[in-house]
Amino acid sequence: MGLDVQIYFKTKTGDDPDLPDWLPNNFNLYKADEDSPVGATHEIQTCVRFYGVGYERGPWPLISSVLMTLLACKDIEVVWYDSDSEGVEDMEVMTPKYLSELTGHYLAYRHGVFE
């Protein structure tokens, strides 16, 4: 068992967003519940492994495509991304800069070691 991805977001109206792209298979959109970050209106549920600095296991190209879709959506104000290892109160806010940094890390990281 490993760490899984958690993705939440807040829309401007609370309604389902008009996403600019389709979500990949096994990435499902739901209304947020009481276990979501404060202010979140929706979550993306999936069982893929988390990808982050120090935990380079999940399919970053797939995860990052979902995050780019959310960040590009005019209806979405805030996106949160983290693993399921911590509580939602400490989740990272995903920004274009943070997405770029993680992508740079992914491109520099090869099979568990930096080249």
PDB file of N, CA and C in Angstrom:
ATOM      1  N   MET A   1       0.847  -1.179   0.000  1.00  0.00           N
ATOM      2  CA  MET A   1       0.000   0.000   0.000  1.00  0.00           C
ATOM      3  C   MET A   1       0.889   1.237   0.000  1.00  0.00           C
ATOM      4  N   GLY A   2       0.526   2.204  -0.806  1.00  0.00           N
ATOM      5  CA  GLY A   2       1.303   3.431  -0.893  1.00  0.00           C
ATOM      6  C   GLY A   2       0.412   4.641  -0.762  1.00  0.00           C
ATOM      7  N   LEU A   3       1.009   5.780  -0.974  1.00  0.00           N
ATOM      8  CA  LEU A   3       0.278   7.034  -0.888  1.00  0.00           C
ATOM      9  C   LEU A   3      -0.488   7.271  -2.185  1.00  0.00           C
ATOM     10  N   ASP A   4      -1.739   7.667  -2.054  1.00  0.00           N
ATOM     11  CA  ASP A   4      -2.573   7.977  -3.209  1.00  0.00           C
ATOM     12  C   ASP A   4      -2.758   9.481  -3.345  1.00  0.00           C
ATOM     13  N   VAL A   5      -3.149   9.903  -4.548  1.00  0.00           N
ATOM     14  CA  VAL A   5      -3.382  11.308  -4.873  1.00  0.00           C
ATOM     15  C   VAL A   5      -4.681  11.795  -4.232  1.00  0.00           C
ATOM     16  N   GLN A   6      -4.641  13.029  -3.763  1.00  0.00           N
ATOM     17  CA  GLN A   6      -5.843  13.745  -3.363  1.00  0.00           C
ATOM     18  C   GLN A   6      -5.864  15.055  -4.145  1.00  0.00           C
ATOM     19  N   ILE A   7      -6.982  15.314  -4.850  1.00  0.00           N
ATOM     20  CA  ILE A   7      -7.152  16.550  -5.608  1.00  0.00           C
ATOM     21  C   ILE A   7      -8.520  17.125  -5.268  1.00  0.00           C
ATOM     22  N   TYR A   8      -8.524  18.357  -4.817  1.00  0.00           N
ATOM     23  CA  TYR A   8      -9.761  19.085  -4.528  1.00  0.00           C
ATOM     24  C   TYR A   8      -9.694  20.426  -5.236  1.00  0.00           C
ATOM     25  N   PHE A   9     -10.863  21.038  -5.436  1.00  0.00           N
ATOM     26  CA  PHE A   9     -10.871  22.381  -5.988  1.00  0.00           C
ATOM     27  C   PHE A   9     -12.128  23.127  -5.577  1.00  0.00           C
ATOM     28  N   LYS A  10     -12.064  24.435  -5.761  1.00  0.00           N
ATOM     29  CA  LYS A  10     -13.178  25.329  -5.451  1.00  0.00           C
ATOM     30  C   LYS A  10     -13.598  26.041  -6.722  1.00  0.00           C
ATOM     31  N   THR A  11     -14.888  25.931  -7.051  1.00  0.00           N
ATOM     32  CA  THR A  11     -15.407  26.673  -8.194  1.00  0.00           C
ATOM     33  C   THR A  11     -15.932  28.025  -7.720  1.00  0.00           C
ATOM     34  N   LYS A  12     -16.072  28.939  -8.648  1.00  0.00           N
ATOM     35  CA  LYS A  12     -16.557  30.283  -8.326  1.00  0.00           C
ATOM     36  C   LYS A  12     -18.007  30.261  -7.862  1.00  0.00           C
ATOM     37  N   THR A  13     -18.804  29.340  -8.404  1.00  0.00           N
ATOM     38  CA  THR A  13     -20.238  29.314  -8.104  1.00  0.00           C
ATOM     39  C   THR A  13     -20.666  28.142  -7.232  1.00  0.00           C
ATOM     40  N   GLY A  14     -19.816  27.147  -7.071  1.00  0.00           N
ATOM     41  CA  GLY A  14     -20.197  25.921  -6.370  1.00  0.00           C
ATOM     42  C   GLY A  14     -20.764  24.873  -7.309  1.00  0.00           C
ATOM     43  N   ASP A  15     -21.064  25.281  -8.551  1.00  0.00           N
ATOM     44  CA  ASP A  15     -21.590  24.353  -9.557  1.00  0.00           C
ATOM     45  C   ASP A  15     -20.455  23.532 -10.163  1.00  0.00           C
ATOM     46  N   ASP A  16     -20.829  22.458 -10.866  1.00  0.00           N
ATOM     47  CA  ASP A  16     -19.831  21.683 -11.590  1.00  0.00           C
ATOM     48  C   ASP A  16     -19.154  22.582 -12.621  1.00  0.00           C
ATOM     49  N   PRO A  17     -17.838  22.468 -12.767  1.00  0.00           N
ATOM     50  CA  PRO A  17     -17.129  23.332 -13.709  1.00  0.00           C
ATOM     51  C   PRO A  17     -17.314  22.866 -15.148  1.00  0.00           C
ATOM     52  N   ASP A  18     -17.146  23.792 -16.064  1.00  0.00           N
ATOM     53  CA  ASP A  18     -17.127  23.490 -17.486  1.00  0.00           C
ATOM     54  C   ASP A  18     -15.657  23.286 -17.862  1.00  0.00           C
ATOM     55  N   LEU A  19     -15.171  22.054 -17.698  1.00  0.00           N
ATOM     56  CA  LEU A  19     -13.748  21.767 -17.906  1.00  0.00           C
ATOM     57  C   LEU A  19     -13.371  21.879 -19.373  1.00  0.00           C
ATOM     58  N   PRO A  20     -12.177  22.453 -19.651  1.00  0.00           N
ATOM     59  CA  PRO A  20     -11.739  22.617 -21.042  1.00  0.00           C
ATOM     60  C   PRO A  20     -11.316  21.302 -21.699  1.00  0.00           C
ATOM     61  N   ASP A  21     -11.066  20.254 -20.915  1.00  0.00           N
ATOM     62  CA  ASP A  21     -10.666  18.946 -21.438  1.00  0.00           C
ATOM     63  C   ASP A  21     -11.358  17.861 -20.623  1.00  0.00           C
ATOM     64  N   TRP A  22     -11.433  16.668 -21.182  1.00  0.00           N
ATOM     65  CA  TRP A  22     -12.003  15.520 -20.478  1.00  0.00           C
ATOM     66  C   TRP A  22     -11.021  15.032 -19.421  1.00  0.00           C
ATOM     67  N   LEU A  23     -11.550  14.478 -18.346  1.00  0.00           N
ATOM     68  CA  LEU A  23     -10.701  13.826 -17.353  1.00  0.00           C
ATOM     69  C   LEU A  23     -10.368  12.423 -17.844  1.00  0.00           C
ATOM     70  N   PRO A  24      -9.149  11.938 -17.550  1.00  0.00           N
ATOM     71  CA  PRO A  24      -8.777  10.578 -17.965  1.00  0.00           C
ATOM     72  C   PRO A  24      -9.646   9.538 -17.247  1.00  0.00           C
ATOM     73  N   ASN A  25      -9.632   8.326 -17.781  1.00  0.00           N
ATOM     74  CA  ASN A  25     -10.319   7.213 -17.109  1.00  0.00           C
ATOM     75  C   ASN A  25      -9.815   7.090 -15.681  1.00  0.00           C
ATOM     76  N   ASN A  26     -10.698   6.735 -14.787  1.00  0.00           N
ATOM     77  CA  ASN A  26     -10.398   6.530 -13.365  1.00  0.00           C
ATOM     78  C   ASN A  26     -10.098   7.824 -12.600  1.00  0.00           C
ATOM     79  N   PHE A  27     -10.390   8.976 -13.200  1.00  0.00           N
ATOM     80  CA  PHE A  27     -10.352  10.260 -12.498  1.00  0.00           C
ATOM     81  C   PHE A  27     -11.787  10.784 -12.537  1.00  0.00           C
ATOM     82  N   ASN A  28     -12.469  10.697 -11.398  1.00  0.00           N
ATOM     83  CA  ASN A  28     -13.894  10.989 -11.353  1.00  0.00           C
ATOM     84  C   ASN A  28     -14.195  12.227 -10.524  1.00  0.00           C
ATOM     85  N   LEU A  29     -15.107  13.052 -11.023  1.00  0.00           N
ATOM     86  CA  LEU A  29     -15.492  14.313 -10.400  1.00  0.00           C
ATOM     87  C   LEU A  29     -16.671  14.086  -9.453  1.00  0.00           C
ATOM     88  N   TYR A  30     -16.537  14.575  -8.197  1.00  0.00           N
ATOM     89  CA  TYR A  30     -17.590  14.490  -7.198  1.00  0.00           C
ATOM     90  C   TYR A  30     -17.697  15.806  -6.450  1.00  0.00           C
ATOM     91  N   LYS A  31     -18.835  16.036  -5.849  1.00  0.00           N
ATOM     92  CA  LYS A  31     -18.995  17.173  -4.939  1.00  0.00           C
ATOM     93  C   LYS A  31     -18.146  16.897  -3.702  1.00  0.00           C
ATOM     94  N   ALA A  32     -17.565  17.945  -3.134  1.00  0.00           N
ATOM     95  CA  ALA A  32     -16.758  17.809  -1.923  1.00  0.00           C
ATOM     96  C   ALA A  32     -17.660  17.443  -0.752  1.00  0.00           C
ATOM     97  N   ASP A  33     -17.086  16.781   0.237  1.00  0.00           N
ATOM     98  CA  ASP A  33     -17.835  16.422   1.439  1.00  0.00           C
ATOM     99  C   ASP A  33     -17.173  17.035   2.662  1.00  0.00           C
ATOM    100  N   GLU A  34     -17.593  16.632   3.834  1.00  0.00           N
ATOM    101  CA  GLU A  34     -17.074  17.225   5.074  1.00  0.00           C
ATOM    102  C   GLU A  34     -15.606  16.896   5.333  1.00  0.00           C
ATOM    103  N   ASP A  35     -15.057  15.922   4.623  1.00  0.00           N
ATOM    104  CA  ASP A  35     -13.649  15.559   4.782  1.00  0.00           C
ATOM    105  C   ASP A  35     -12.744  16.288   3.788  1.00  0.00           C
ATOM    106  N   SER A  36     -13.245  17.361   3.169  1.00  0.00           N
ATOM    107  CA  SER A  36     -12.501  18.118   2.163  1.00  0.00           C
ATOM    108  C   SER A  36     -11.851  19.350   2.790  1.00  0.00           C
ATOM    109  N   PRO A  37     -10.873  19.947   2.103  1.00  0.00           N
ATOM    110  CA  PRO A  37     -10.314  21.198   2.609  1.00  0.00           C
ATOM    111  C   PRO A  37     -11.400  22.263   2.733  1.00  0.00           C
ATOM    112  N   VAL A  38     -11.243  23.150   3.686  1.00  0.00           N
ATOM    113  CA  VAL A  38     -12.221  24.217   3.886  1.00  0.00           C
ATOM    114  C   VAL A  38     -12.336  25.035   2.609  1.00  0.00           C
ATOM    115  N   GLY A  39     -13.543  25.198   2.115  1.00  0.00           N
ATOM    116  CA  GLY A  39     -13.784  25.968   0.908  1.00  0.00           C
ATOM    117  C   GLY A  39     -13.882  25.139  -0.359  1.00  0.00           C
ATOM    118  N   ALA A  40     -13.431  23.890  -0.333  1.00  0.00           N
ATOM    119  CA  ALA A  40     -13.485  23.050  -1.536  1.00  0.00           C
ATOM    120  C   ALA A  40     -14.937  22.748  -1.891  1.00  0.00           C
ATOM    121  N   THR A  41     -15.240  22.793  -3.175  1.00  0.00           N
ATOM    122  CA  THR A  41     -16.581  22.464  -3.654  1.00  0.00           C
ATOM    123  C   THR A  41     -16.628  21.100  -4.343  1.00  0.00           C
ATOM    124  N   HIS A  42     -15.460  20.630  -4.824  1.00  0.00           N
ATOM    125  CA  HIS A  42     -15.394  19.382  -5.581  1.00  0.00           C
ATOM    126  C   HIS A  42     -14.102  18.631  -5.271  1.00  0.00           C
ATOM    127  N   GLU A  43     -14.119  17.361  -5.619  1.00  0.00           N
ATOM    128  CA  GLU A  43     -12.898  16.564  -5.542  1.00  0.00           C
ATOM    129  C   GLU A  43     -12.813  15.665  -6.762  1.00  0.00           C
ATOM    130  N   ILE A  44     -11.590  15.312  -7.085  1.00  0.00           N
ATOM    131  CA  ILE A  44     -11.326  14.325  -8.121  1.00  0.00           C
ATOM    132  C   ILE A  44     -10.899  13.062  -7.392  1.00  0.00           C
ATOM    133  N   GLN A  45     -11.687  12.013  -7.520  1.00  0.00           N
ATOM    134  CA  GLN A  45     -11.333  10.748  -6.876  1.00  0.00           C
ATOM    135  C   GLN A  45     -10.626   9.855  -7.882  1.00  0.00           C
ATOM    136  N   THR A  46      -9.548   9.255  -7.422  1.00  0.00           N
ATOM    137  CA  THR A  46      -8.770   8.323  -8.225  1.00  0.00           C
ATOM    138  C   THR A  46      -7.950   7.457  -7.278  1.00  0.00           C
ATOM    139  N   CYS A  47      -7.511   6.336  -7.758  1.00  0.00           N
ATOM    140  CA  CYS A  47      -6.680   5.445  -6.939  1.00  0.00           C
ATOM    141  C   CYS A  47      -5.247   5.390  -7.443  1.00  0.00           C
ATOM    142  N   VAL A  48      -4.801   6.422  -8.163  1.00  0.00           N
ATOM    143  CA  VAL A  48      -3.416   6.413  -8.629  1.00  0.00           C
ATOM    144  C   VAL A  48      -2.487   6.868  -7.512  1.00  0.00           C
ATOM    145  N   ARG A  49      -1.261   6.419  -7.583  1.00  0.00           N
ATOM    146  CA  ARG A  49      -0.252   6.770  -6.588  1.00  0.00           C
ATOM    147  C   ARG A  49       0.097   8.246  -6.692  1.00  0.00           C
ATOM    148  N   PHE A  50       0.471   8.805  -5.576  1.00  0.00           N
ATOM    149  CA  PHE A  50       0.896  10.194  -5.468  1.00  0.00           C
ATOM    150  C   PHE A  50       2.268  10.363  -6.114  1.00  0.00           C
ATOM    151  N   TYR A  51       2.517  11.538  -6.694  1.00  0.00           N
ATOM    152  CA  TYR A  51       3.843  11.916  -7.173  1.00  0.00           C
ATOM    153  C   TYR A  51       4.229  13.221  -6.515  1.00  0.00           C
ATOM    154  N   GLY A  52       5.414  13.258  -5.917  1.00  0.00           N
ATOM    155  CA  GLY A  52       5.932  14.473  -5.321  1.00  0.00           C
ATOM    156  C   GLY A  52       7.419  14.330  -5.058  1.00  0.00           C
ATOM    157  N   VAL A  53       8.048  15.421  -4.682  1.00  0.00           N
ATOM    158  CA  VAL A  53       9.476  15.403  -4.359  1.00  0.00           C
ATOM    159  C   VAL A  53       9.672  14.501  -3.148  1.00  0.00           C
ATOM    160  N   GLY A  54      10.514  13.505  -3.278  1.00  0.00           N
ATOM    161  CA  GLY A  54      10.753  12.542  -2.214  1.00  0.00           C
ATOM    162  C   GLY A  54       9.823  11.350  -2.268  1.00  0.00           C
ATOM    163  N   TYR A  55       8.827  11.389  -3.142  1.00  0.00           N
ATOM    164  CA  TYR A  55       7.903  10.260  -3.326  1.00  0.00           C
ATOM    165  C   TYR A  55       7.559  10.196  -4.814  1.00  0.00           C
ATOM    166  N   GLU A  56       8.525   9.784  -5.612  1.00  0.00           N
ATOM    167  CA  GLU A  56       8.429   9.800  -7.070  1.00  0.00           C
ATOM    168  C   GLU A  56       7.868   8.474  -7.574  1.00  0.00           C
ATOM    169  N   ARG A  57       6.580   8.243  -7.317  1.00  0.00           N
ATOM    170  CA  ARG A  57       6.002   6.955  -7.661  1.00  0.00           C
ATOM    171  C   ARG A  57       4.804   7.041  -8.605  1.00  0.00           C
ATOM    172  N   GLY A  58       3.999   8.042  -8.493  1.00  0.00           N
ATOM    173  CA  GLY A  58       2.781   8.133  -9.287  1.00  0.00           C
ATOM    174  C   GLY A  58       3.044   8.519 -10.736  1.00  0.00           C
ATOM    175  N   PRO A  59       2.027   8.350 -11.598  1.00  0.00           N
ATOM    176  CA  PRO A  59       2.158   8.676 -13.022  1.00  0.00           C
ATOM    177  C   PRO A  59       2.043  10.188 -13.251  1.00  0.00           C
ATOM    178  N   TRP A  60       3.138  10.906 -13.043  1.00  0.00           N
ATOM    179  CA  TRP A  60       3.093  12.366 -13.114  1.00  0.00           C
ATOM    180  C   TRP A  60       2.524  12.902 -14.429  1.00  0.00           C
ATOM    181  N   PRO A  61       2.853  12.350 -15.599  1.00  0.00           N
ATOM    182  CA  PRO A  61       2.246  12.895 -16.820  1.00  0.00           C
ATOM    183  C   PRO A  61       0.713  12.863 -16.775  1.00  0.00           C
ATOM    184  N   LEU A  62       0.140  11.817 -16.241  1.00  0.00           N
ATOM    185  CA  LEU A  62      -1.313  11.703 -16.139  1.00  0.00           C
ATOM    186  C   LEU A  62      -1.864  12.666 -15.083  1.00  0.00           C
ATOM    187  N   ILE A  63      -1.241  12.675 -13.904  1.00  0.00           N
ATOM    188  CA  ILE A  63      -1.679  13.563 -12.821  1.00  0.00           C
ATOM    189  C   ILE A  63      -1.563  15.021 -13.253  1.00  0.00           C
ATOM    190  N   SER A  64      -0.440  15.378 -13.859  1.00  0.00           N
ATOM    191  CA  SER A  64      -0.237  16.774 -14.245  1.00  0.00           C
ATOM    192  C   SER A  64      -1.231  17.212 -15.320  1.00  0.00           C
ATOM    193  N   SER A  65      -1.664  16.290 -16.180  1.00  0.00           N
ATOM    194  CA  SER A  65      -2.664  16.655 -17.189  1.00  0.00           C
ATOM    195  C   SER A  65      -3.990  17.020 -16.527  1.00  0.00           C
ATOM    196  N   VAL A  66      -4.349  16.316 -15.470  1.00  0.00           N
ATOM    197  CA  VAL A  66      -5.572  16.640 -14.727  1.00  0.00           C
ATOM    198  C   VAL A  66      -5.423  17.993 -14.041  1.00  0.00           C
ATOM    199  N   LEU A  67      -4.278  18.220 -13.407  1.00  0.00           N
ATOM    200  CA  LEU A  67      -4.042  19.501 -12.733  1.00  0.00           C
ATOM    201  C   LEU A  67      -4.029  20.659 -13.722  1.00  0.00           C
ATOM    202  N   MET A  68      -3.431  20.467 -14.907  1.00  0.00           N
ATOM    203  CA  MET A  68      -3.449  21.519 -15.927  1.00  0.00           C
ATOM    204  C   MET A  68      -4.868  21.822 -16.380  1.00  0.00           C
ATOM    205  N   THR A  69      -5.674  20.789 -16.543  1.00  0.00           N
ATOM    206  CA  THR A  69      -7.071  20.991 -16.937  1.00  0.00           C
ATOM    207  C   THR A  69      -7.806  21.816 -15.895  1.00  0.00           C
ATOM    208  N   LEU A  70      -7.591  21.507 -14.624  1.00  0.00           N
ATOM    209  CA  LEU A  70      -8.266  22.256 -13.557  1.00  0.00           C
ATOM    210  C   LEU A  70      -7.765  23.693 -13.491  1.00  0.00           C
ATOM    211  N   LEU A  71      -6.448  23.883 -13.587  1.00  0.00           N
ATOM    212  CA  LEU A  71      -5.888  25.228 -13.513  1.00  0.00           C
ATOM    213  C   LEU A  71      -6.296  26.093 -14.718  1.00  0.00           C
ATOM    214  N   ALA A  72      -6.570  25.461 -15.848  1.00  0.00           N
ATOM    215  CA  ALA A  72      -6.962  26.197 -17.049  1.00  0.00           C
ATOM    216  C   ALA A  72      -8.451  26.530 -17.082  1.00  0.00           C
ATOM    217  N   CYS A  73      -9.211  25.976 -16.157  1.00  0.00           N
ATOM    218  CA  CYS A  73     -10.654  26.170 -16.166  1.00  0.00           C
ATOM    219  C   CYS A  73     -11.022  27.533 -15.579  1.00  0.00           C
ATOM    220  N   LYS A  74     -11.769  28.307 -16.330  1.00  0.00           N
ATOM    221  CA  LYS A  74     -12.172  29.654 -15.890  1.00  0.00           C
ATOM    222  C   LYS A  74     -13.118  29.613 -14.699  1.00  0.00           C
ATOM    223  N   ASP A  75     -13.785  28.476 -14.462  1.00  0.00           N
ATOM    224  CA  ASP A  75     -14.747  28.341 -13.372  1.00  0.00           C
ATOM    225  C   ASP A  75     -14.095  28.005 -12.027  1.00  0.00           C
ATOM    226  N   ILE A  76     -12.805  27.671 -12.025  1.00  0.00           N
ATOM    227  CA  ILE A  76     -12.137  27.183 -10.818  1.00  0.00           C
ATOM    228  C   ILE A  76     -11.240  28.268 -10.226  1.00  0.00           C
ATOM    229  N   GLU A  77     -11.383  28.470  -8.906  1.00  0.00           N
ATOM    230  CA  GLU A  77     -10.599  29.487  -8.194  1.00  0.00           C
ATOM    231  C   GLU A  77      -9.344  28.928  -7.544  1.00  0.00           C
ATOM    232  N   VAL A  78      -9.457  27.756  -6.908  1.00  0.00           N
ATOM    233  CA  VAL A  78      -8.350  27.168  -6.141  1.00  0.00           C
ATOM    234  C   VAL A  78      -8.313  25.667  -6.402  1.00  0.00           C
ATOM    235  N   VAL A  79      -7.084  25.116  -6.529  1.00  0.00           N
ATOM    236  CA  VAL A  79      -6.877  23.674  -6.672  1.00  0.00           C
ATOM    237  C   VAL A  79      -5.921  23.231  -5.568  1.00  0.00           C
ATOM    238  N   TRP A  80      -6.277  22.149  -4.885  1.00  0.00           N
ATOM    239  CA  TRP A  80      -5.404  21.564  -3.868  1.00  0.00           C
ATOM    240  C   TRP A  80      -4.913  20.213  -4.364  1.00  0.00           C
ATOM    241  N   TYR A  81      -3.618  19.905  -4.103  1.00  0.00           N
ATOM    242  CA  TYR A  81      -3.015  18.636  -4.525  1.00  0.00           C
ATOM    243  C   TYR A  81      -2.085  18.161  -3.425  1.00  0.00           C
ATOM    244  N   ASP A  82      -2.246  16.903  -3.037  1.00  0.00           N
ATOM    245  CA  ASP A  82      -1.352  16.320  -2.033  1.00  0.00           C
ATOM    246  C   ASP A  82      -1.594  14.820  -1.991  1.00  0.00           C
ATOM    247  N   SER A  83      -0.922  14.159  -1.060  1.00  0.00           N
ATOM    248  CA  SER A  83      -1.141  12.728  -0.862  1.00  0.00           C
ATOM    249  C   SER A  83      -2.173  12.532   0.239  1.00  0.00           C
ATOM    250  N   ASP A  84      -2.604  11.294   0.385  1.00  0.00           N
ATOM    251  CA  ASP A  84      -3.568  10.977   1.432  1.00  0.00           C
ATOM    252  C   ASP A  84      -2.899  10.657   2.772  1.00  0.00           C
ATOM    253  N   SER A  85      -1.626  11.015   2.912  1.00  0.00           N
ATOM    254  CA  SER A  85      -0.905  10.711   4.149  1.00  0.00           C
ATOM    255  C   SER A  85      -1.168  11.722   5.262  1.00  0.00           C
ATOM    256  N   GLU A  86      -1.580  12.906   4.898  1.00  0.00           N
ATOM    257  CA  GLU A  86      -1.821  13.970   5.868  1.00  0.00           C
ATOM    258  C   GLU A  86      -3.289  14.372   5.828  1.00  0.00           C
ATOM    259  N   GLY A  87      -3.698  15.147   6.798  1.00  0.00           N
ATOM    260  CA  GLY A  87      -5.051  15.668   6.796  1.00  0.00           C
ATOM    261  C   GLY A  87      -5.230  16.728   5.731  1.00  0.00           C
ATOM    262  N   VAL A  88      -6.469  16.983   5.365  1.00  0.00           N
ATOM    263  CA  VAL A  88      -6.752  17.945   4.301  1.00  0.00           C
ATOM    264  C   VAL A  88      -6.450  19.379   4.711  1.00  0.00           C
ATOM    265  N   GLU A  89      -6.336  19.647   6.002  1.00  0.00           N
ATOM    266  CA  GLU A  89      -6.066  21.013   6.448  1.00  0.00           C
ATOM    267  C   GLU A  89      -4.671  21.499   6.059  1.00  0.00           C
ATOM    268  N   ASP A  90      -3.767  20.590   5.736  1.00  0.00           N
ATOM    269  CA  ASP A  90      -2.400  20.953   5.370  1.00  0.00           C
ATOM    270  C   ASP A  90      -2.101  20.729   3.889  1.00  0.00           C
ATOM    271  N   MET A  91      -3.124  20.577   3.072  1.00  0.00           N
ATOM    272  CA  MET A  91      -2.898  20.292   1.655  1.00  0.00           C
ATOM    273  C   MET A  91      -2.247  21.473   0.945  1.00  0.00           C
ATOM    274  N   GLU A  92      -1.410  21.149  -0.039  1.00  0.00           N
ATOM    275  CA  GLU A  92      -0.738  22.154  -0.849  1.00  0.00           C
ATOM    276  C   GLU A  92      -1.709  22.758  -1.856  1.00  0.00           C
ATOM    277  N   VAL A  93      -1.647  24.075  -2.020  1.00  0.00           N
ATOM    278  CA  VAL A  93      -2.393  24.730  -3.090  1.00  0.00           C
ATOM    279  C   VAL A  93      -1.576  24.581  -4.365  1.00  0.00           C
ATOM    280  N   MET A  94      -2.222  24.066  -5.407  1.00  0.00           N
ATOM    281  CA  MET A  94      -1.540  23.892  -6.691  1.00  0.00           C
ATOM    282  C   MET A  94      -1.637  25.197  -7.479  1.00  0.00           C
ATOM    283  N   THR A  95      -0.501  25.664  -7.931  1.00  0.00           N
ATOM    284  CA  THR A  95      -0.414  26.867  -8.766  1.00  0.00           C
ATOM    285  C   THR A  95       0.332  26.493 -10.039  1.00  0.00           C
ATOM    286  N   PRO A  96       0.270  27.322 -11.070  1.00  0.00           N
ATOM    287  CA  PRO A  96       1.079  27.036 -12.259  1.00  0.00           C
ATOM    288  C   PRO A  96       2.576  26.918 -11.932  1.00  0.00           C
ATOM    289  N   LYS A  97       3.058  27.732 -11.009  1.00  0.00           N
ATOM    290  CA  LYS A  97       4.473  27.669 -10.631  1.00  0.00           C
ATOM    291  C   LYS A  97       4.808  26.342  -9.958  1.00  0.00           C
ATOM    292  N   TYR A  98       3.963  25.905  -9.024  1.00  0.00           N
ATOM    293  CA  TYR A  98       4.194  24.630  -8.339  1.00  0.00           C
ATOM    294  C   TYR A  98       4.106  23.471  -9.338  1.00  0.00           C
ATOM    295  N   LEU A  99       3.154  23.524 -10.257  1.00  0.00           N
ATOM    296  CA  LEU A  99       3.026  22.496 -11.293  1.00  0.00           C
ATOM    297  C   LEU A  99       4.297  22.441 -12.136  1.00  0.00           C
ATOM    298  N   SER A 100       4.826  23.600 -12.505  1.00  0.00           N
ATOM    299  CA  SER A 100       6.052  23.670 -13.289  1.00  0.00           C
ATOM    300  C   SER A 100       7.243  23.101 -12.514  1.00  0.00           C
ATOM    301  N   GLU A 101       7.320  23.415 -11.220  1.00  0.00           N
ATOM    302  CA  GLU A 101       8.415  22.890 -10.398  1.00  0.00           C
ATOM    303  C   GLU A 101       8.363  21.364 -10.312  1.00  0.00           C
ATOM    304  N   LEU A 102       7.174  20.804 -10.098  1.00  0.00           N
ATOM    305  CA  LEU A 102       7.052  19.345 -10.029  1.00  0.00           C
ATOM    306  C   LEU A 102       7.367  18.702 -11.374  1.00  0.00           C
ATOM    307  N   THR A 103       6.966  19.359 -12.460  1.00  0.00           N
ATOM    308  CA  THR A 103       7.283  18.837 -13.789  1.00  0.00           C
ATOM    309  C   THR A 103       8.790  18.873 -14.029  1.00  0.00           C
ATOM    310  N   GLY A 104       9.442  19.951 -13.632  1.00  0.00           N
ATOM    311  CA  GLY A 104      10.900  20.025 -13.733  1.00  0.00           C
ATOM    312  C   GLY A 104      11.572  18.935 -12.925  1.00  0.00           C
ATOM    313  N   HIS A 105      11.054  18.666 -11.738  1.00  0.00           N
ATOM    314  CA  HIS A 105      11.589  17.590 -10.902  1.00  0.00           C
ATOM    315  C   HIS A 105      11.420  16.247 -11.610  1.00  0.00           C
ATOM    316  N   TYR A 106      10.232  16.020 -12.165  1.00  0.00           N
ATOM    317  CA  TYR A 106       9.962  14.775 -12.884  1.00  0.00           C
ATOM    318  C   TYR A 106      10.945  14.592 -14.053  1.00  0.00           C
ATOM    319  N   LEU A 107      11.177  15.660 -14.813  1.00  0.00           N
ATOM    320  CA  LEU A 107      12.073  15.569 -15.966  1.00  0.00           C
ATOM    321  C   LEU A 107      13.526  15.334 -15.566  1.00  0.00           C
ATOM    322  N   ALA A 108      13.920  15.825 -14.394  1.00  0.00           N
ATOM    323  CA  ALA A 108      15.304  15.657 -13.929  1.00  0.00           C
ATOM    324  C   ALA A 108      15.524  14.333 -13.211  1.00  0.00           C
ATOM    325  N   TYR A 109      14.463  13.699 -12.768  1.00  0.00           N
ATOM    326  CA  TYR A 109      14.551  12.493 -11.948  1.00  0.00           C
ATOM    327  C   TYR A 109      14.432  11.259 -12.823  1.00  0.00           C
ATOM    328  N   ARG A 110      15.381  10.352 -12.703  1.00  0.00           N
ATOM    329  CA  ARG A 110      15.357   9.133 -13.522  1.00  0.00           C
ATOM    330  C   ARG A 110      15.526   7.902 -12.628  1.00  0.00           C
ATOM    331  N   HIS A 111      14.524   7.076 -12.571  1.00  0.00           N
ATOM    332  CA  HIS A 111      14.599   5.774 -11.912  1.00  0.00           C
ATOM    333  C   HIS A 111      15.169   5.852 -10.498  1.00  0.00           C
ATOM    334  N   GLY A 112      14.759   6.832  -9.739  1.00  0.00           N
ATOM    335  CA  GLY A 112      15.158   6.900  -8.339  1.00  0.00           C
ATOM    336  C   GLY A 112      16.422   7.673  -8.045  1.00  0.00           C
ATOM    337  N   VAL A 113      17.085   8.174  -9.072  1.00  0.00           N
ATOM    338  CA  VAL A 113      18.291   8.995  -8.832  1.00  0.00           C
ATOM    339  C   VAL A 113      18.293  10.183  -9.784  1.00  0.00           C
ATOM    340  N   PHE A 114      18.883  11.264  -9.351  1.00  0.00           N
ATOM    341  CA  PHE A 114      19.047  12.406 -10.244  1.00  0.00           C
ATOM    342  C   PHE A 114      20.258  12.179 -11.117  1.00  0.00           C
ATOM    343  N   GLU A 115      20.134  12.571 -12.368  1.00  0.00           N
ATOM    344  CA  GLU A 115      21.282  12.427 -13.278  1.00  0.00           C
ATOM    345  C   GLU A 115      21.994  13.754 -13.421  1.00  0.00           C
TER     346      GLU A 115
END
